């Protein structure tokens, strides 16, 4: 996966859309800010969400952080490995540490940033 082809949110989630499937994770910026992730709470398969709904929680040694869905859809898969190995989100946020996959529904990406736009956004923080 090439993070330069992903789309990004201001909440530091990334989304990779391939046809009708969206894979969602958090950015390396988010993992740096959170610190060591010790617990991941993800939704059940078949759960439906609208853009900006809270869909899960990451708990780190520093804080607890909510996760927000970047596009409308239904969860078709969650990364079950994270329940036993939450640190995988820190180690490989764009590959092995992905969070969920959605079957996207009637989505728009107008509110999402390209990789370059996200990098510019980070400079404002």
N, C-alpha and C. Protein backbone atom coordinates (compact mmCIF):
# COMPACT_ATOMS: atom_id res chain seq x y z
N UNK A 1 0.84 -1.18 0.00
CA UNK A 1 0.00 0.00 0.00
C UNK A 1 0.89 1.25 0.00
N UNK A 2 0.50 2.20 -0.78
CA UNK A 2 1.27 3.44 -0.89
C UNK A 2 0.48 4.57 -0.23
N UNK A 3 0.97 5.05 0.92
CA UNK A 3 0.24 6.08 1.67
C UNK A 3 0.05 7.36 0.88
N UNK A 4 0.83 7.57 -0.18
CA UNK A 4 0.67 8.77 -1.01
C UNK A 4 -0.59 8.70 -1.87
N UNK A 5 -1.17 7.51 -2.00
CA UNK A 5 -2.42 7.36 -2.77
C UNK A 5 -3.65 7.39 -1.87
N UNK A 6 -3.45 7.41 -0.56
CA UNK A 6 -4.56 7.41 0.39
C UNK A 6 -5.17 8.81 0.49
N UNK A 7 -6.34 8.88 1.10
CA UNK A 7 -7.00 10.14 1.45
C UNK A 7 -6.98 10.25 2.97
N UNK A 8 -7.03 11.50 3.47
CA UNK A 8 -6.82 11.76 4.89
C UNK A 8 -7.87 12.69 5.47
N UNK A 9 -8.08 12.54 6.80
CA UNK A 9 -9.00 13.41 7.52
C UNK A 9 -8.23 14.33 8.46
N UNK A 10 -8.88 15.37 8.93
CA UNK A 10 -8.27 16.26 9.92
C UNK A 10 -8.10 15.57 11.27
N UNK A 11 -8.81 14.46 11.45
CA UNK A 11 -8.70 13.69 12.70
C UNK A 11 -7.59 12.64 12.60
N UNK A 12 -6.85 12.65 11.49
CA UNK A 12 -5.66 11.80 11.28
C UNK A 12 -6.00 10.34 11.00
N UNK A 13 -7.16 10.10 10.40
CA UNK A 13 -7.44 8.78 9.83
C UNK A 13 -7.06 8.82 8.35
N UNK A 14 -6.70 7.66 7.83
CA UNK A 14 -6.49 7.53 6.38
C UNK A 14 -7.50 6.54 5.84
N UNK A 15 -7.79 6.69 4.56
CA UNK A 15 -8.71 5.77 3.89
C UNK A 15 -8.15 5.46 2.51
N UNK A 16 -8.20 4.20 2.18
CA UNK A 16 -7.80 3.73 0.85
C UNK A 16 -9.03 3.08 0.24
N UNK A 17 -9.52 3.63 -0.87
CA UNK A 17 -10.74 3.11 -1.48
C UNK A 17 -10.39 2.38 -2.77
N UNK A 18 -10.80 1.12 -2.82
CA UNK A 18 -10.59 0.28 -3.99
C UNK A 18 -11.96 -0.25 -4.41
N UNK A 19 -12.51 0.30 -5.48
CA UNK A 19 -13.86 0.00 -5.94
C UNK A 19 -14.84 0.34 -4.83
N UNK A 20 -15.53 -0.63 -4.25
CA UNK A 20 -16.52 -0.36 -3.20
C UNK A 20 -16.01 -0.69 -1.80
N UNK A 21 -14.71 -0.94 -1.66
CA UNK A 21 -14.15 -1.28 -0.36
C UNK A 21 -13.19 -0.20 0.11
N UNK A 22 -13.40 0.26 1.33
CA UNK A 22 -12.52 1.27 1.93
C UNK A 22 -11.81 0.63 3.11
N UNK A 23 -10.49 0.72 3.11
CA UNK A 23 -9.69 0.31 4.26
C UNK A 23 -9.34 1.57 5.03
N UNK A 24 -9.48 1.51 6.36
CA UNK A 24 -9.31 2.68 7.21
C UNK A 24 -8.29 2.39 8.30
N UNK A 25 -7.44 3.38 8.56
CA UNK A 25 -6.46 3.28 9.64
C UNK A 25 -6.16 4.67 10.16
N UNK A 26 -5.12 4.76 10.99
CA UNK A 26 -4.69 6.07 11.48
C UNK A 26 -3.28 6.35 10.94
N UNK A 27 -2.93 7.61 10.91
CA UNK A 27 -1.67 8.03 10.32
C UNK A 27 -0.50 7.86 11.30
N UNK A 28 0.70 7.91 10.75
CA UNK A 28 1.88 7.85 11.62
C UNK A 28 1.94 9.08 12.53
N UNK A 29 1.43 10.23 12.07
CA UNK A 29 1.35 11.40 12.94
C UNK A 29 0.50 11.08 14.17
N UNK A 30 -0.64 10.43 13.95
CA UNK A 30 -1.53 10.07 15.06
C UNK A 30 -0.85 9.10 16.02
N UNK A 31 -0.14 8.12 15.48
CA UNK A 31 0.53 7.16 16.36
C UNK A 31 1.62 7.85 17.18
N UNK A 32 2.32 8.80 16.58
CA UNK A 32 3.35 9.55 17.32
C UNK A 32 2.71 10.37 18.43
N UNK A 33 1.58 11.01 18.14
CA UNK A 33 0.89 11.83 19.13
C UNK A 33 0.32 10.98 20.27
N UNK A 34 -0.22 9.81 19.93
CA UNK A 34 -0.85 8.95 20.94
C UNK A 34 0.18 8.25 21.81
N UNK A 35 1.30 7.90 21.24
CA UNK A 35 2.26 7.07 21.96
C UNK A 35 1.89 5.61 21.80
N UNK A 36 2.41 4.78 22.67
CA UNK A 36 2.21 3.34 22.57
C UNK A 36 0.73 2.97 22.76
N UNK A 37 0.15 2.36 21.74
CA UNK A 37 -1.25 1.95 21.80
C UNK A 37 -1.34 0.61 22.52
N UNK A 38 -2.20 0.57 23.54
CA UNK A 38 -2.30 -0.63 24.38
C UNK A 38 -3.65 -1.33 24.25
N UNK A 39 -4.63 -0.67 23.62
CA UNK A 39 -5.96 -1.28 23.47
C UNK A 39 -6.66 -0.67 22.27
N UNK A 40 -7.32 -1.52 21.50
CA UNK A 40 -8.08 -1.08 20.33
C UNK A 40 -9.49 -1.63 20.43
N UNK A 41 -10.48 -0.74 20.36
CA UNK A 41 -11.89 -1.15 20.36
C UNK A 41 -12.45 -0.85 18.97
N UNK A 42 -12.87 -1.91 18.27
CA UNK A 42 -13.39 -1.76 16.92
C UNK A 42 -14.83 -2.25 16.85
N UNK A 43 -15.59 -1.78 15.85
CA UNK A 43 -17.00 -2.18 15.74
C UNK A 43 -17.15 -3.61 15.23
N UNK A 44 -18.35 -4.12 15.40
CA UNK A 44 -18.67 -5.45 14.89
C UNK A 44 -18.90 -5.39 13.38
N UNK A 45 -18.60 -6.50 12.72
CA UNK A 45 -18.91 -6.63 11.30
C UNK A 45 -20.41 -6.45 11.12
N UNK A 46 -20.81 -5.81 10.03
CA UNK A 46 -22.20 -5.51 9.66
C UNK A 46 -22.72 -4.23 10.32
N UNK A 47 -21.89 -3.56 11.13
CA UNK A 47 -22.28 -2.26 11.68
C UNK A 47 -22.23 -1.23 10.56
N UNK A 48 -23.23 -0.35 10.52
CA UNK A 48 -23.27 0.70 9.50
C UNK A 48 -22.98 2.06 10.12
N UNK A 49 -22.29 2.90 9.35
CA UNK A 49 -21.90 4.22 9.84
C UNK A 49 -22.09 5.27 8.76
N UNK A 50 -22.32 6.48 9.21
CA UNK A 50 -22.35 7.66 8.35
C UNK A 50 -21.06 8.44 8.60
N UNK A 51 -20.63 9.16 7.59
CA UNK A 51 -19.43 9.97 7.69
C UNK A 51 -19.41 10.77 8.99
N UNK A 52 -18.28 10.72 9.68
CA UNK A 52 -18.00 11.41 10.94
C UNK A 52 -18.59 10.73 12.18
N UNK A 53 -19.28 9.59 12.03
CA UNK A 53 -19.71 8.83 13.21
C UNK A 53 -18.48 8.28 13.92
N UNK A 54 -18.56 8.18 15.24
CA UNK A 54 -17.51 7.51 16.00
C UNK A 54 -17.64 6.01 15.77
N UNK A 55 -16.54 5.34 15.44
CA UNK A 55 -16.63 3.91 15.17
C UNK A 55 -15.73 3.06 16.07
N UNK A 56 -14.94 3.68 16.89
CA UNK A 56 -14.07 2.90 17.75
C UNK A 56 -13.24 3.80 18.65
N UNK A 57 -12.35 3.14 19.41
CA UNK A 57 -11.52 3.85 20.37
C UNK A 57 -10.12 3.24 20.37
N UNK A 58 -9.13 4.11 20.48
CA UNK A 58 -7.76 3.68 20.70
C UNK A 58 -7.34 4.16 22.08
N UNK A 59 -6.76 3.28 22.86
CA UNK A 59 -6.26 3.65 24.16
C UNK A 59 -4.74 3.51 24.13
N UNK A 60 -4.07 4.57 24.54
CA UNK A 60 -2.61 4.53 24.57
C UNK A 60 -2.14 4.78 26.00
N UNK A 61 -0.84 4.73 26.19
CA UNK A 61 -0.31 5.00 27.52
C UNK A 61 -0.56 6.45 27.91
N UNK A 62 -0.82 7.34 26.94
CA UNK A 62 -1.04 8.76 27.21
C UNK A 62 -2.51 9.13 27.34
N UNK A 63 -3.40 8.51 26.52
CA UNK A 63 -4.77 9.02 26.41
C UNK A 63 -5.69 7.98 25.78
N UNK A 64 -6.97 8.32 25.73
CA UNK A 64 -7.97 7.55 25.00
C UNK A 64 -8.46 8.43 23.86
N UNK A 65 -8.52 7.90 22.65
CA UNK A 65 -8.88 8.70 21.49
C UNK A 65 -9.97 8.01 20.68
N UNK A 66 -11.00 8.78 20.33
CA UNK A 66 -12.08 8.25 19.50
C UNK A 66 -11.64 8.19 18.04
N UNK A 67 -12.23 7.26 17.31
CA UNK A 67 -12.00 7.11 15.87
C UNK A 67 -13.28 7.53 15.15
N UNK A 68 -13.12 8.25 14.03
CA UNK A 68 -14.27 8.75 13.28
C UNK A 68 -14.23 8.23 11.85
N UNK A 69 -15.37 7.76 11.39
CA UNK A 69 -15.46 7.15 10.06
C UNK A 69 -15.36 8.24 8.98
N UNK A 70 -14.50 8.05 7.98
CA UNK A 70 -14.33 9.08 6.95
C UNK A 70 -15.36 9.02 5.80
N UNK A 71 -16.00 7.88 5.62
CA UNK A 71 -17.00 7.73 4.55
C UNK A 71 -18.15 6.85 5.03
N UNK A 72 -19.31 6.99 4.40
CA UNK A 72 -20.46 6.15 4.73
C UNK A 72 -20.17 4.70 4.35
N UNK A 73 -20.66 3.77 5.18
CA UNK A 73 -20.51 2.38 4.78
C UNK A 73 -20.83 1.40 5.89
N UNK A 74 -20.68 0.12 5.53
CA UNK A 74 -20.93 -0.99 6.45
C UNK A 74 -19.64 -1.76 6.66
N UNK A 75 -19.34 -2.05 7.91
CA UNK A 75 -18.12 -2.78 8.24
C UNK A 75 -18.21 -4.20 7.68
N UNK A 76 -17.22 -4.57 6.86
CA UNK A 76 -17.19 -5.93 6.31
C UNK A 76 -16.04 -6.74 6.91
N UNK A 77 -15.11 -6.05 7.56
CA UNK A 77 -14.00 -6.74 8.20
C UNK A 77 -13.36 -5.81 9.21
N UNK A 78 -12.91 -6.41 10.32
CA UNK A 78 -12.11 -5.64 11.27
C UNK A 78 -10.82 -6.40 11.49
N UNK A 79 -9.78 -5.68 11.85
CA UNK A 79 -8.46 -6.27 12.02
C UNK A 79 -8.38 -6.93 13.40
N UNK A 80 -8.79 -8.20 13.46
CA UNK A 80 -8.85 -8.92 14.73
C UNK A 80 -7.49 -9.12 15.38
N UNK A 81 -6.42 -9.05 14.60
CA UNK A 81 -5.07 -9.22 15.15
C UNK A 81 -4.79 -8.15 16.20
N UNK A 82 -5.43 -6.98 16.06
CA UNK A 82 -5.15 -5.87 16.96
C UNK A 82 -5.62 -6.13 18.39
N UNK A 83 -6.57 -7.04 18.58
CA UNK A 83 -7.03 -7.31 19.95
C UNK A 83 -5.91 -7.96 20.77
N UNK A 84 -5.08 -8.77 20.12
CA UNK A 84 -3.94 -9.40 20.81
C UNK A 84 -2.65 -8.60 20.65
N UNK A 85 -2.58 -7.75 19.63
CA UNK A 85 -1.37 -7.01 19.34
C UNK A 85 -1.69 -5.57 18.94
N UNK A 86 -2.20 -4.75 19.89
CA UNK A 86 -2.58 -3.38 19.55
C UNK A 86 -1.39 -2.52 19.10
N UNK A 87 -0.19 -2.88 19.52
CA UNK A 87 1.00 -2.13 19.14
C UNK A 87 1.30 -2.18 17.65
N UNK A 88 0.64 -3.08 16.94
CA UNK A 88 0.80 -3.17 15.49
C UNK A 88 0.37 -1.87 14.81
N UNK A 89 -0.57 -1.15 15.43
CA UNK A 89 -0.99 0.14 14.89
C UNK A 89 0.20 1.11 14.88
N UNK A 90 1.01 1.07 15.94
CA UNK A 90 2.20 1.92 16.01
C UNK A 90 3.28 1.46 15.02
N UNK A 91 3.48 0.16 14.97
CA UNK A 91 4.57 -0.41 14.17
C UNK A 91 4.31 -0.30 12.67
N UNK A 92 3.07 -0.44 12.26
CA UNK A 92 2.75 -0.51 10.83
C UNK A 92 1.38 0.11 10.55
N UNK A 93 1.24 1.44 10.78
CA UNK A 93 -0.09 2.06 10.68
C UNK A 93 -0.71 2.01 9.29
N UNK A 94 0.11 1.89 8.24
CA UNK A 94 -0.42 1.91 6.87
C UNK A 94 -0.53 0.52 6.25
N UNK A 95 -0.07 -0.50 6.93
CA UNK A 95 -0.11 -1.84 6.34
C UNK A 95 -0.79 -2.81 7.30
N UNK A 96 -0.03 -3.39 8.21
CA UNK A 96 -0.58 -4.42 9.10
C UNK A 96 -1.47 -3.85 10.20
N UNK A 97 -1.32 -2.56 10.50
CA UNK A 97 -2.09 -1.95 11.59
C UNK A 97 -3.37 -1.27 11.15
N UNK A 98 -3.89 -1.62 9.95
CA UNK A 98 -5.18 -1.06 9.52
C UNK A 98 -6.25 -1.45 10.55
N UNK A 99 -7.36 -0.71 10.55
CA UNK A 99 -8.39 -0.91 11.57
C UNK A 99 -9.60 -1.69 11.06
N UNK A 100 -10.29 -1.13 10.06
CA UNK A 100 -11.49 -1.77 9.53
C UNK A 100 -11.54 -1.64 8.01
N UNK A 101 -12.39 -2.48 7.41
CA UNK A 101 -12.73 -2.36 6.00
C UNK A 101 -14.24 -2.17 5.90
N UNK A 102 -14.63 -1.25 5.02
CA UNK A 102 -16.04 -0.93 4.82
C UNK A 102 -16.46 -1.24 3.40
N UNK A 103 -17.70 -1.65 3.25
CA UNK A 103 -18.35 -1.61 1.95
C UNK A 103 -18.94 -0.20 1.87
N UNK A 104 -18.36 0.63 1.01
CA UNK A 104 -18.77 2.03 0.98
C UNK A 104 -20.12 2.20 0.30
N UNK A 105 -20.84 3.21 0.78
CA UNK A 105 -22.20 3.44 0.34
C UNK A 105 -22.39 4.93 0.08
N UNK A 106 -22.69 5.28 -1.17
CA UNK A 106 -23.05 6.64 -1.49
C UNK A 106 -22.08 7.65 -0.86
N UNK A 107 -20.81 7.49 -1.18
CA UNK A 107 -19.81 8.31 -0.51
C UNK A 107 -19.29 9.44 -1.39
N UNK A 108 -18.78 10.43 -0.72
CA UNK A 108 -18.10 11.55 -1.37
C UNK A 108 -16.74 11.67 -0.71
N UNK A 109 -15.74 12.03 -1.48
CA UNK A 109 -14.41 12.23 -0.90
C UNK A 109 -14.02 13.71 -0.89
N UNK A 110 -14.97 14.58 -1.16
CA UNK A 110 -14.68 16.02 -1.23
C UNK A 110 -14.09 16.57 0.07
N UNK A 111 -14.46 16.00 1.20
CA UNK A 111 -14.01 16.48 2.51
C UNK A 111 -12.65 15.90 2.91
N UNK A 112 -12.13 14.98 2.12
CA UNK A 112 -10.86 14.33 2.45
C UNK A 112 -9.70 15.01 1.75
N UNK A 113 -8.52 14.88 2.33
CA UNK A 113 -7.32 15.51 1.79
C UNK A 113 -6.44 14.49 1.07
N UNK A 114 -5.76 14.96 0.04
CA UNK A 114 -4.73 14.15 -0.60
C UNK A 114 -3.53 14.06 0.36
N UNK A 115 -2.58 13.21 0.04
CA UNK A 115 -1.37 13.09 0.84
C UNK A 115 -0.67 14.45 0.97
N UNK A 116 -0.48 15.13 -0.15
CA UNK A 116 0.21 16.42 -0.13
C UNK A 116 -0.56 17.46 0.69
N UNK A 117 -1.87 17.49 0.54
CA UNK A 117 -2.70 18.42 1.32
C UNK A 117 -2.61 18.10 2.80
N UNK A 118 -2.59 16.81 3.14
CA UNK A 118 -2.48 16.41 4.54
C UNK A 118 -1.13 16.85 5.11
N UNK A 119 -0.06 16.71 4.34
CA UNK A 119 1.25 17.15 4.80
C UNK A 119 1.25 18.65 5.07
N UNK A 120 0.59 19.42 4.21
CA UNK A 120 0.48 20.87 4.42
C UNK A 120 -0.35 21.16 5.68
N UNK A 121 -1.43 20.40 5.87
CA UNK A 121 -2.27 20.56 7.05
C UNK A 121 -1.46 20.33 8.33
N UNK A 122 -0.61 19.31 8.33
CA UNK A 122 0.20 18.99 9.52
C UNK A 122 1.11 20.16 9.90
N UNK A 123 1.54 20.94 8.93
CA UNK A 123 2.42 22.09 9.21
C UNK A 123 1.69 23.19 9.98
N UNK A 124 0.34 23.16 9.96
CA UNK A 124 -0.44 24.18 10.65
C UNK A 124 -0.71 23.82 12.10
N UNK A 125 -0.37 22.62 12.50
CA UNK A 125 -0.68 22.15 13.87
C UNK A 125 0.39 22.53 14.87
